[in-house]
Amino acid sequence: MYAVIKSGGKQHQVAEGDVIDVERIADDGEVSFRPLVVVDDDGTLHHSGGSVTARVVGATKGPKVQVRKFRNKTGYRRRAGHRQGYTSLRISAISADESGQEVSSDGT
């Protein structure tokens, strides 16, 4: 069973036990997401309902991005750097709501 969740404006395909990096989350313990789609082991899609639970593993930073500005013949030079903060999450449980809308895998 896997699910597609949305966090920080990005979508992530997750299964139980996966460790993913999402943009910084302020919460320190358990985090719950409402999945966009849940796919069962037999291929059944659940479009509404359900939940994905994850535990915060740690926090990291991404690679440094250098930004430079330059204007010709004026002595104007600027340099700035940025490192995006990420939170590592371990997916602990995925559940599909049984009363949610089901769609067969052949699209009908």
Protein backbone atom coordinates (compact mmCIF):
# COMPACT_ATOMS: atom_id res chain seq x y z
CA MET A 1 0.00 0.00 0.00
CA TYR A 2 1.28 3.45 -0.82
CA ALA A 3 -0.07 6.99 -0.71
CA VAL A 4 0.61 10.36 -2.28
CA ILE A 5 0.85 13.22 0.22
CA LYS A 6 1.37 16.94 -0.22
CA SER A 7 3.77 18.90 1.99
CA GLY A 8 5.47 22.22 1.35
CA GLY A 9 3.91 22.59 -2.09
CA LYS A 10 5.40 19.28 -3.25
CA GLN A 11 3.89 15.82 -3.64
CA HIS A 12 5.61 12.72 -2.25
CA GLN A 13 4.81 9.05 -2.94
CA VAL A 14 5.28 7.21 0.35
CA ALA A 15 4.94 3.69 1.75
CA GLU A 16 5.20 2.45 5.33
CA GLY A 17 8.78 2.58 6.60
CA ASP A 18 9.96 5.17 4.05
CA VAL A 19 12.10 8.10 5.19
CA ILE A 20 11.46 11.32 3.27
CA ASP A 21 12.77 14.88 3.49
CA VAL A 22 10.12 17.61 3.46
CA GLU A 23 10.49 21.34 3.96
CA ARG A 24 10.92 22.39 7.58
CA ILE A 25 8.04 21.44 9.90
CA ALA A 26 7.83 23.01 13.36
CA ASP A 27 6.29 19.91 15.00
CA ASP A 28 8.65 17.60 16.94
CA GLY A 29 6.61 14.42 17.44
CA GLU A 30 3.95 12.79 15.30
CA VAL A 31 2.77 14.43 12.09
CA SER A 32 -0.43 13.50 10.27
CA PHE A 33 -1.15 14.15 6.59
CA ARG A 34 -4.35 13.82 4.60
CA PRO A 35 -3.38 11.83 1.49
CA LEU A 36 -4.37 12.88 -2.01
CA VAL A 37 -4.54 9.24 -3.18
CA VAL A 38 -4.15 5.89 -1.39
CA VAL A 39 -3.44 2.75 -3.46
CA ASP A 40 -4.12 -0.66 -1.87
CA ASP A 41 -2.02 -3.77 -2.48
CA ASP A 42 -4.60 -5.00 -4.99
CA GLY A 43 -4.42 -1.73 -6.99
CA THR A 44 -7.64 -0.12 -5.73
CA LEU A 45 -7.47 3.69 -5.62
CA HIS A 46 -9.04 5.60 -2.71
CA HIS A 47 -9.47 9.29 -3.57
CA SER A 48 -10.95 10.64 -0.36
CA GLY A 49 -10.45 9.94 3.31
CA GLY A 50 -7.67 8.14 5.10
CA SER A 51 -4.57 9.37 6.87
CA VAL A 52 -0.80 9.08 6.76
CA THR A 53 1.08 9.23 10.07
CA ALA A 54 4.78 10.01 10.29
CA ARG A 55 7.33 10.50 13.07
CA VAL A 56 9.97 13.23 12.93
CA VAL A 57 13.45 11.67 12.66
CA GLY A 58 15.58 14.81 12.50
CA ALA A 59 16.34 18.09 10.79
CA THR A 60 18.92 18.75 8.08
CA LYS A 61 19.91 21.49 5.69
CA GLY A 62 20.15 21.24 1.93
CA PRO A 63 23.12 22.24 -0.21
CA LYS A 64 24.23 25.85 -0.21
CA VAL A 65 22.94 27.95 -3.09
CA GLN A 66 25.11 30.94 -4.05
CA VAL A 67 23.44 34.04 -5.48
CA ARG A 68 25.61 36.73 -7.08
CA LYS A 69 24.64 40.10 -8.54
CA PHE A 70 26.90 42.19 -10.74
CA ARG A 71 26.44 45.45 -12.62
CA ASN A 72 29.01 46.35 -15.19
CA LYS A 73 31.34 49.38 -14.75
CA THR A 74 29.87 50.53 -11.41
CA GLY A 75 31.67 48.43 -8.81
CA TYR A 76 28.32 46.93 -7.75
CA ARG A 77 28.79 43.37 -6.51
CA ARG A 78 26.59 41.43 -4.08
CA ARG A 79 26.86 37.89 -2.83
CA ALA A 80 24.33 35.93 -0.78
CA GLY A 81 23.89 32.30 0.18
CA HIS A 82 20.92 30.20 1.19
CA ARG A 83 20.49 26.72 2.72
CA GLN A 84 16.96 25.35 2.81
CA GLY A 85 15.94 23.59 6.01
CA TYR A 86 14.46 20.09 5.75
CA THR A 87 12.76 17.76 8.22
CA SER A 88 13.26 13.99 7.89
CA LEU A 89 10.10 11.94 8.43
CA ARG A 90 9.65 8.18 8.82
CA ILE A 91 6.24 7.02 7.59
CA SER A 92 4.74 4.88 10.36
CA ALA A 93 1.17 4.17 9.18
CA ILE A 94 -1.04 4.54 6.12
CA SER A 95 -4.77 3.98 6.41
CA ALA A 96 -7.48 4.28 3.77
CA ASP A 97 -10.97 5.33 4.76
CA GLU A 98 -13.30 2.48 3.82
CA SER A 99 -16.17 4.88 3.13
CA GLY A 100 -14.04 6.89 0.67
CA GLN A 101 -14.56 6.95 -3.09
CA GLU A 102 -13.03 3.92 -4.79
CA VAL A 103 -11.97 3.76 -8.44
CA SER A 104 -10.92 0.55 -10.16
CA SER A 105 -7.37 0.38 -11.52
CA ASP A 106 -8.51 0.29 -15.17
CA GLY A 107 -9.88 3.86 -14.84
CA THR A 108 -13.62 3.10 -14.90
